[in-house]
Amino acid sequence: MRILLVEDDVAIAKAVRRGLEQARFQVDVAEDGRMGLQMARENEYSVMILDVMLPYMDGWKVCEELRYRRSRLPILMLTARDSLEDRVKGLETGADDYLPKPFEFPELLARVHALIRRDRMHRTRVVRIADLEIDTGQRRVTRRGVTIGLSQREYDLLEALASNEGRVLTREVIQERVWQDEEGVSNVVDVYVGLLRKKIDAGHEAKLIHTVRGVGYTLRRPAEEEAE
């Protein structure tokens, strides 16, 4: 798989490239926004890792231009700014995820893998996790062939968990990805996970939605199935 890294800090670009190549990715590097935009338009990539503060064209503008041209390239935005306003701006311009600097490489790698899984999910349209099926095109959910009616927010929450199958999402990450810039009460994530759990897991011996105490929530297939 091929990744485009758009980063003007030579030391950061070198370290990230080395780590990604050790993870068996092919990596192209662009040192400014205009170059990154051109490379993204001319080549096929699995993910773009895009810094915000870039020469000639900032990351927000690059992202905005790609989305204007209907590019579906998954974009992970890197920013030294960790304010809510900057995170929201990145999401509004079309970024799929963001990671504030400084960051640990394992977290960046995990987010890259999550974006690739999410992109595969949308391209495949139907995601199957044990006996749960999610049709991302029609936003239709079934378990053991029985259709499950979900509200828009419940579906968005389920899709966020499914696109990160096996990975624990913190309440903060879920809040940012599902509710984005909207204000929510402090326990809104817990409430919606409870509602979703009743619809997805109630009446089934194998539970798919799990709480990791003190951390967050994860959706994973039963251990017996993983061992097969």
C-alpha atoms as a PDB file:
ATOM      1  CA  MET A   1       0.000   0.000   0.000  1.00  0.00           C
ATOM      2  CA  ARG A   2       1.154   3.490  -0.869  1.00  0.00           C
ATOM      3  CA  ILE A   3       0.964   6.492   1.454  1.00  0.00           C
ATOM      4  CA  LEU A   4       1.479  10.170   0.674  1.00  0.00           C
ATOM      5  CA  LEU A   5       3.170  12.107   3.488  1.00  0.00           C
ATOM      6  CA  VAL A   6       2.971  15.896   3.146  1.00  0.00           C
ATOM      7  CA  GLU A   7       5.322  17.341   5.767  1.00  0.00           C
ATOM      8  CA  ASP A   8       7.879  20.157   5.519  1.00  0.00           C
ATOM      9  CA  ASP A   9       9.730  19.285   8.740  1.00  0.00           C
ATOM     10  CA  VAL A  10      12.578  17.131   7.431  1.00  0.00           C
ATOM     11  CA  ALA A  11      13.222  15.335  10.743  1.00  0.00           C
ATOM     12  CA  ILE A  12       9.547  14.436  11.246  1.00  0.00           C
ATOM     13  CA  ALA A  13       9.141  13.367   7.618  1.00  0.00           C
ATOM     14  CA  LYS A  14      12.221  11.150   7.826  1.00  0.00           C
ATOM     15  CA  ALA A  15      11.111   9.471  11.063  1.00  0.00           C
ATOM     16  CA  VAL A  16       7.525   8.891   9.895  1.00  0.00           C
ATOM     17  CA  ARG A  17       8.656   7.591   6.527  1.00  0.00           C
ATOM     18  CA  ARG A  18      11.081   5.163   8.144  1.00  0.00           C
ATOM     19  CA  GLY A  19       8.393   3.864  10.506  1.00  0.00           C
ATOM     20  CA  LEU A  20       5.831   3.428   7.738  1.00  0.00           C
ATOM     21  CA  GLU A  21       8.303   1.630   5.514  1.00  0.00           C
ATOM     22  CA  GLN A  22       9.140  -0.724   8.386  1.00  0.00           C
ATOM     23  CA  ALA A  23       5.374  -1.374   8.556  1.00  0.00           C
ATOM     24  CA  ARG A  24       5.601  -2.385   4.856  1.00  0.00           C
ATOM     25  CA  PHE A  25       4.056   0.706   3.318  1.00  0.00           C
ATOM     26  CA  GLN A  26       5.429   2.479   0.271  1.00  0.00           C
ATOM     27  CA  VAL A  27       5.821   6.172   1.097  1.00  0.00           C
ATOM     28  CA  ASP A  28       6.043   9.256  -1.108  1.00  0.00           C
ATOM     29  CA  VAL A  29       6.946  12.562   0.543  1.00  0.00           C
ATOM     30  CA  ALA A  30       5.938  16.072  -0.488  1.00  0.00           C
ATOM     31  CA  GLU A  31       7.573  19.047   1.233  1.00  0.00           C
ATOM     32  CA  ASP A  32       4.919  21.682   0.519  1.00  0.00           C
ATOM     33  CA  GLY A  33       1.171  21.925   0.003  1.00  0.00           C
ATOM     34  CA  ARG A  34       1.176  22.565  -3.731  1.00  0.00           C
ATOM     35  CA  MET A  35       3.397  19.562  -4.376  1.00  0.00           C
ATOM     36  CA  GLY A  36       1.242  17.412  -2.104  1.00  0.00           C
ATOM     37  CA  LEU A  37      -1.942  18.419  -3.920  1.00  0.00           C
ATOM     38  CA  GLN A  38      -0.399  17.662  -7.308  1.00  0.00           C
ATOM     39  CA  MET A  39       0.897  14.255  -6.211  1.00  0.00           C
ATOM     40  CA  ALA A  40      -2.473  13.348  -4.676  1.00  0.00           C
ATOM     41  CA  ARG A  41      -4.231  14.223  -7.938  1.00  0.00           C
ATOM     42  CA  GLU A  42      -1.792  12.335 -10.162  1.00  0.00           C
ATOM     43  CA  ASN A  43      -1.273   9.127  -8.159  1.00  0.00           C
ATOM     44  CA  GLU A  44      -3.249   6.502  -6.251  1.00  0.00           C
ATOM     45  CA  TYR A  45      -2.698   6.408  -2.485  1.00  0.00           C
ATOM     46  CA  SER A  46      -4.308   4.480   0.361  1.00  0.00           C
ATOM     47  CA  VAL A  47      -3.936   7.381   2.823  1.00  0.00           C
ATOM     48  CA  MET A  48      -2.603  10.937   2.859  1.00  0.00           C
ATOM     49  CA  ILE A  49      -0.863  12.145   6.037  1.00  0.00           C
ATOM     50  CA  LEU A  50      -1.163  15.909   5.796  1.00  0.00           C
ATOM     51  CA  ASP A  51       0.495  18.544   7.970  1.00  0.00           C
ATOM     52  CA  VAL A  52      -1.443  21.788   8.472  1.00  0.00           C
ATOM     53  CA  MET A  53       1.373  24.337   8.463  1.00  0.00           C
ATOM     54  CA  LEU A  54       2.961  23.988   5.012  1.00  0.00           C
ATOM     55  CA  PRO A  55       4.732  26.325   2.562  1.00  0.00           C
ATOM     56  CA  TYR A  56       2.784  27.730  -0.432  1.00  0.00           C
ATOM     57  CA  MET A  57      -0.527  26.082   0.495  1.00  0.00           C
ATOM     58  CA  ASP A  58      -1.604  25.021   3.985  1.00  0.00           C
ATOM     59  CA  GLY A  59      -3.059  21.621   4.779  1.00  0.00           C
ATOM     60  CA  TRP A  60      -6.588  22.954   5.177  1.00  0.00           C
ATOM     61  CA  LYS A  61      -6.521  24.340   1.619  1.00  0.00           C
ATOM     62  CA  VAL A  62      -5.041  21.115   0.234  1.00  0.00           C
ATOM     63  CA  CYS A  63      -7.783  19.092   1.895  1.00  0.00           C
ATOM     64  CA  GLU A  64     -10.472  21.495   0.716  1.00  0.00           C
ATOM     65  CA  GLU A  65      -9.227  21.345  -2.884  1.00  0.00           C
ATOM     66  CA  LEU A  66      -9.169  17.548  -2.918  1.00  0.00           C
ATOM     67  CA  ARG A  67     -12.721  17.322  -1.587  1.00  0.00           C
ATOM     68  CA  TYR A  68     -13.882  19.972  -4.072  1.00  0.00           C
ATOM     69  CA  ARG A  69     -12.522  17.701  -6.817  1.00  0.00           C
ATOM     70  CA  ARG A  70     -14.478  14.792  -5.263  1.00  0.00           C
ATOM     71  CA  SER A  71     -11.383  12.907  -4.102  1.00  0.00           C
ATOM     72  CA  ARG A  72     -12.227  10.162  -1.577  1.00  0.00           C
ATOM     73  CA  LEU A  73      -8.613   9.775  -0.458  1.00  0.00           C
ATOM     74  CA  PRO A  74      -8.558   9.182   3.343  1.00  0.00           C
ATOM     75  CA  ILE A  75      -6.764  12.105   5.007  1.00  0.00           C
ATOM     76  CA  LEU A  76      -5.071  12.097   8.404  1.00  0.00           C
ATOM     77  CA  MET A  77      -4.262  15.686   9.343  1.00  0.00           C
ATOM     78  CA  LEU A  78      -1.287  16.518  11.559  1.00  0.00           C
ATOM     79  CA  THR A  79      -1.401  19.731  13.535  1.00  0.00           C
ATOM     80  CA  ALA A  80       0.669  21.391  16.229  1.00  0.00           C
ATOM     81  CA  ARG A  81      -2.551  23.109  17.270  1.00  0.00           C
ATOM     82  CA  ASP A  82      -4.720  21.089  19.617  1.00  0.00           C
ATOM     83  CA  SER A  83      -7.604  23.522  20.041  1.00  0.00           C
ATOM     84  CA  LEU A  84     -11.162  22.405  19.366  1.00  0.00           C
ATOM     85  CA  GLU A  85     -11.513  25.160  16.747  1.00  0.00           C
ATOM     86  CA  ASP A  86      -8.575  23.831  14.723  1.00  0.00           C
ATOM     87  CA  ARG A  87      -9.780  20.232  14.967  1.00  0.00           C
ATOM     88  CA  VAL A  88     -13.243  21.242  13.808  1.00  0.00           C
ATOM     89  CA  LYS A  89     -11.791  23.252  10.916  1.00  0.00           C
ATOM     90  CA  GLY A  90      -9.845  20.205   9.746  1.00  0.00           C
ATOM     91  CA  LEU A  91     -12.961  18.022   9.843  1.00  0.00           C
ATOM     92  CA  GLU A  92     -15.029  20.688   8.082  1.00  0.00           C
ATOM     93  CA  THR A  93     -12.559  20.909   5.202  1.00  0.00           C
ATOM     94  CA  GLY A  94     -12.855  17.144   4.703  1.00  0.00           C
ATOM     95  CA  ALA A  95     -10.186  15.485   6.829  1.00  0.00           C
ATOM     96  CA  ASP A  96     -11.108  12.017   8.111  1.00  0.00           C
ATOM     97  CA  ASP A  97      -9.018  12.169  11.268  1.00  0.00           C
ATOM     98  CA  TYR A  98      -6.455  14.382  12.981  1.00  0.00           C
ATOM     99  CA  LEU A  99      -3.463  13.856  15.232  1.00  0.00           C
ATOM    100  CA  PRO A 100      -1.929  16.692  17.278  1.00  0.00           C
ATOM    101  CA  LYS A 101       1.841  17.082  17.479  1.00  0.00           C
ATOM    102  CA  PRO A 102       3.875  15.842  19.196  1.00  0.00           C
ATOM    103  CA  PHE A 103       2.633  12.300  18.682  1.00  0.00           C
ATOM    104  CA  GLU A 104       3.881   8.782  19.234  1.00  0.00           C
ATOM    105  CA  PHE A 105       4.421   6.798  16.021  1.00  0.00           C
ATOM    106  CA  PRO A 106       2.387   3.736  17.178  1.00  0.00           C
ATOM    107  CA  GLU A 107      -0.679   5.976  17.477  1.00  0.00           C
ATOM    108  CA  LEU A 108      -0.128   7.408  14.007  1.00  0.00           C
ATOM    109  CA  LEU A 109       0.242   3.896  12.597  1.00  0.00           C
ATOM    110  CA  ALA A 110      -2.945   2.751  14.345  1.00  0.00           C
ATOM    111  CA  ARG A 111      -4.860   5.687  12.874  1.00  0.00           C
ATOM    112  CA  VAL A 112      -3.511   4.942   9.393  1.00  0.00           C
ATOM    113  CA  HIS A 113      -4.673   1.326   9.682  1.00  0.00           C
ATOM    114  CA  ALA A 114      -8.085   2.526  10.934  1.00  0.00           C
ATOM    115  CA  LEU A 115      -8.494   4.850   7.935  1.00  0.00           C
ATOM    116  CA  ILE A 116      -7.586   2.042   5.552  1.00  0.00           C
ATOM    117  CA  ARG A 117     -10.146  -0.255   7.195  1.00  0.00           C
ATOM    118  CA  ARG A 118     -12.773   2.477   7.071  1.00  0.00           C
ATOM    119  CA  ASP A 119     -12.076   3.148   3.400  1.00  0.00           C
ATOM    120  CA  ARG A 120     -12.304  -0.562   2.605  1.00  0.00           C
ATOM    121  CA  MET A 121     -15.582  -0.690   4.470  1.00  0.00           C
ATOM    122  CA  HIS A 122     -17.106   2.067   2.351  1.00  0.00           C
ATOM    123  CA  ARG A 123     -15.764   0.582  -0.870  1.00  0.00           C
ATOM    124  CA  THR A 124     -17.015  -2.913  -0.027  1.00  0.00           C
ATOM    125  CA  ARG A 125     -20.357  -1.447   1.040  1.00  0.00           C
ATOM    126  CA  VAL A 126     -21.219  -4.493   3.161  1.00  0.00           C
ATOM    127  CA  VAL A 127     -19.199  -5.079   6.329  1.00  0.00           C
ATOM    128  CA  ARG A 128     -19.553  -8.374   8.175  1.00  0.00           C
ATOM    129  CA  ILE A 129     -18.477  -8.810  11.773  1.00  0.00           C
ATOM    130  CA  ALA A 130     -19.584 -12.239  13.013  1.00  0.00           C
ATOM    131  CA  ASP A 131     -23.338 -12.367  12.243  1.00  0.00           C
ATOM    132  CA  LEU A 132     -23.649  -8.562  12.072  1.00  0.00           C
ATOM    133  CA  GLU A 133     -23.892  -6.978   8.598  1.00  0.00           C
ATOM    134  CA  ILE A 134     -23.631  -3.264   7.838  1.00  0.00           C
ATOM    135  CA  ASP A 135     -24.525  -2.023   4.361  1.00  0.00           C
ATOM    136  CA  THR A 136     -22.742   1.344   4.285  1.00  0.00           C
ATOM    137  CA  GLY A 137     -24.367   2.339   1.006  1.00  0.00           C
ATOM    138  CA  GLN A 138     -27.933   1.949   2.256  1.00  0.00           C
ATOM    139  CA  ARG A 139     -27.042   2.479   5.938  1.00  0.00           C
ATOM    140  CA  ARG A 140     -28.838  -0.781   6.667  1.00  0.00           C
ATOM    141  CA  VAL A 141     -27.932  -3.036   9.597  1.00  0.00           C
ATOM    142  CA  THR A 142     -28.914  -6.658  10.154  1.00  0.00           C
ATOM    143  CA  ARG A 143     -27.958  -9.359  12.622  1.00  0.00           C
ATOM    144  CA  ARG A 144     -28.679 -12.985  11.752  1.00  0.00           C
ATOM    145  CA  GLY A 145     -30.655 -11.632   8.837  1.00  0.00           C
ATOM    146  CA  VAL A 146     -32.985  -9.531  10.984  1.00  0.00           C
ATOM    147  CA  THR A 147     -33.058  -5.812  10.158  1.00  0.00           C
ATOM    148  CA  ILE A 148     -32.193  -3.509  13.060  1.00  0.00           C
ATOM    149  CA  GLY A 149     -33.682  -0.029  13.040  1.00  0.00           C
ATOM    150  CA  LEU A 150     -31.179   2.607  14.120  1.00  0.00           C
ATOM    151  CA  SER A 151     -31.381   6.373  14.437  1.00  0.00           C
ATOM    152  CA  GLN A 152     -28.861   8.398  12.437  1.00  0.00           C
ATOM    153  CA  ARG A 153     -26.701   8.941  15.515  1.00  0.00           C
ATOM    154  CA  GLU A 154     -26.845   5.272  16.508  1.00  0.00           C
ATOM    155  CA  TYR A 155     -25.817   4.256  12.995  1.00  0.00           C
ATOM    156  CA  ASP A 156     -22.926   6.755  12.939  1.00  0.00           C
ATOM    157  CA  LEU A 157     -21.736   5.389  16.281  1.00  0.00           C
ATOM    158  CA  LEU A 158     -21.953   1.791  15.044  1.00  0.00           C
ATOM    159  CA  GLU A 159     -20.052   2.634  11.867  1.00  0.00           C
ATOM    160  CA  ALA A 160     -17.315   4.372  13.867  1.00  0.00           C
ATOM    161  CA  LEU A 161     -16.914   1.294  16.072  1.00  0.00           C
ATOM    162  CA  ALA A 162     -17.082  -1.133  13.119  1.00  0.00           C
ATOM    163  CA  SER A 163     -14.523   0.777  11.067  1.00  0.00           C
ATOM    164  CA  ASN A 164     -12.153   0.402  14.029  1.00  0.00           C
ATOM    165  CA  GLU A 165     -13.012  -3.250  14.732  1.00  0.00           C
ATOM    166  CA  GLY A 166     -10.992  -4.576  17.666  1.00  0.00           C
ATOM    167  CA  ARG A 167      -9.585  -1.144  18.527  1.00  0.00           C
ATOM    168  CA  VAL A 168     -10.686   0.643  21.692  1.00  0.00           C
ATOM    169  CA  LEU A 169     -12.123   4.114  21.063  1.00  0.00           C
ATOM    170  CA  THR A 170     -12.123   6.533  23.969  1.00  0.00           C
ATOM    171  CA  ARG A 171     -15.229   8.538  24.781  1.00  0.00           C
ATOM    172  CA  GLU A 172     -13.416  11.675  23.613  1.00  0.00           C
ATOM    173  CA  VAL A 173     -12.558  10.167  20.218  1.00  0.00           C
ATOM    174  CA  ILE A 174     -16.136   8.945  19.738  1.00  0.00           C
ATOM    175  CA  GLN A 175     -17.491  12.364  20.713  1.00  0.00           C
ATOM    176  CA  GLU A 176     -15.242  14.092  18.170  1.00  0.00           C
ATOM    177  CA  ARG A 177     -15.894  11.654  15.316  1.00  0.00           C
ATOM    178  CA  VAL A 178     -19.629  11.143  15.743  1.00  0.00           C
ATOM    179  CA  TRP A 179     -20.774  14.459  17.221  1.00  0.00           C
ATOM    180  CA  GLN A 180     -17.896  16.490  15.734  1.00  0.00           C
ATOM    181  CA  ASP A 181     -18.352  20.174  16.661  1.00  0.00           C
ATOM    182  CA  GLU A 182     -21.745  19.759  18.296  1.00  0.00           C
ATOM    183  CA  GLU A 183     -22.084  20.269  22.020  1.00  0.00           C
ATOM    184  CA  GLY A 184     -23.168  17.233  24.000  1.00  0.00           C
ATOM    185  CA  VAL A 185     -23.821  16.413  27.631  1.00  0.00           C
ATOM    186  CA  SER A 186     -20.982  14.721  29.474  1.00  0.00           C
ATOM    187  CA  ASN A 187     -22.480  11.220  29.338  1.00  0.00           C
ATOM    188  CA  VAL A 188     -23.899  11.370  25.800  1.00  0.00           C
ATOM    189  CA  VAL A 189     -21.513   8.687  24.499  1.00  0.00           C
ATOM    190  CA  ASP A 190     -22.379   6.287  27.329  1.00  0.00           C
ATOM    191  CA  VAL A 191     -26.103   6.841  26.729  1.00  0.00           C
ATOM    192  CA  TYR A 192     -25.868   6.114  23.007  1.00  0.00           C
ATOM    193  CA  VAL A 193     -23.628   3.091  23.497  1.00  0.00           C
ATOM    194  CA  GLY A 194     -26.265   1.751  25.894  1.00  0.00           C
ATOM    195  CA  LEU A 195     -29.015   2.318  23.320  1.00  0.00           C
ATOM    196  CA  LEU A 196     -26.943   0.712  20.570  1.00  0.00           C
ATOM    197  CA  ARG A 197     -26.020  -2.259  22.740  1.00  0.00           C
ATOM    198  CA  LYS A 198     -29.699  -2.990  23.393  1.00  0.00           C
ATOM    199  CA  LYS A 199     -30.383  -3.111  19.656  1.00  0.00           C
ATOM    200  CA  ILE A 200     -27.237  -4.952  18.532  1.00  0.00           C
ATOM    201  CA  ASP A 201     -26.547  -7.379  21.391  1.00  0.00           C
ATOM    202  CA  ALA A 202     -29.834  -7.892  23.230  1.00  0.00           C
ATOM    203  CA  GLY A 203     -31.077 -11.458  22.787  1.00  0.00           C
ATOM    204  CA  HIS A 204     -27.766 -12.700  21.363  1.00  0.00           C
ATOM    205  CA  GLU A 205     -25.425 -14.945  23.308  1.00  0.00           C
ATOM    206  CA  ALA A 206     -22.344 -13.527  21.592  1.00  0.00           C
ATOM    207  CA  LYS A 207     -21.862  -9.882  22.543  1.00  0.00           C
ATOM    208  CA  LEU A 208     -20.076  -7.631  20.046  1.00  0.00           C
ATOM    209  CA  ILE A 209     -19.945  -4.258  21.837  1.00  0.00           C
ATOM    210  CA  HIS A 210     -17.615  -4.229  24.832  1.00  0.00           C
ATOM    211  CA  THR A 211     -16.682  -1.710  27.515  1.00  0.00           C
ATOM    212  CA  VAL A 212     -13.008  -1.332  28.388  1.00  0.00           C
ATOM    213  CA  ARG A 213     -13.285   0.101  31.859  1.00  0.00           C
ATOM    214  CA  GLY A 214     -11.602   3.460  32.274  1.00  0.00           C
ATOM    215  CA  VAL A 215     -10.765   3.688  28.553  1.00  0.00           C
ATOM    216  CA  GLY A 216     -13.753   3.453  26.218  1.00  0.00           C
ATOM    217  CA  TYR A 217     -15.582   1.058  23.922  1.00  0.00           C
ATOM    218  CA  THR A 218     -14.756  -1.482  21.229  1.00  0.00           C
ATOM    219  CA  LEU A 219     -16.656  -3.658  18.766  1.00  0.00           C
ATOM    220  CA  ARG A 220     -15.079  -7.044  18.160  1.00  0.00           C
ATOM    221  CA  ARG A 221     -16.072 -10.486  16.971  1.00  0.00           C
ATOM    222  CA  PRO A 222     -16.369 -13.365  19.494  1.00  0.00           C
ATOM    223  CA  ALA A 223     -13.107 -14.924  20.633  1.00  0.00           C
ATOM    224  CA  GLU A 224     -14.204 -18.348  19.382  1.00  0.00           C
ATOM    225  CA  GLU A 225     -14.553 -17.026  15.849  1.00  0.00           C
ATOM    226  CA  GLU A 226     -11.175 -15.243  15.978  1.00  0.00           C
ATOM    227  CA  ALA A 227      -9.504 -18.503  16.995  1.00  0.00           C
ATOM    228  CA  GLU A 228     -10.916 -20.487  14.066  1.00  0.00           C
END
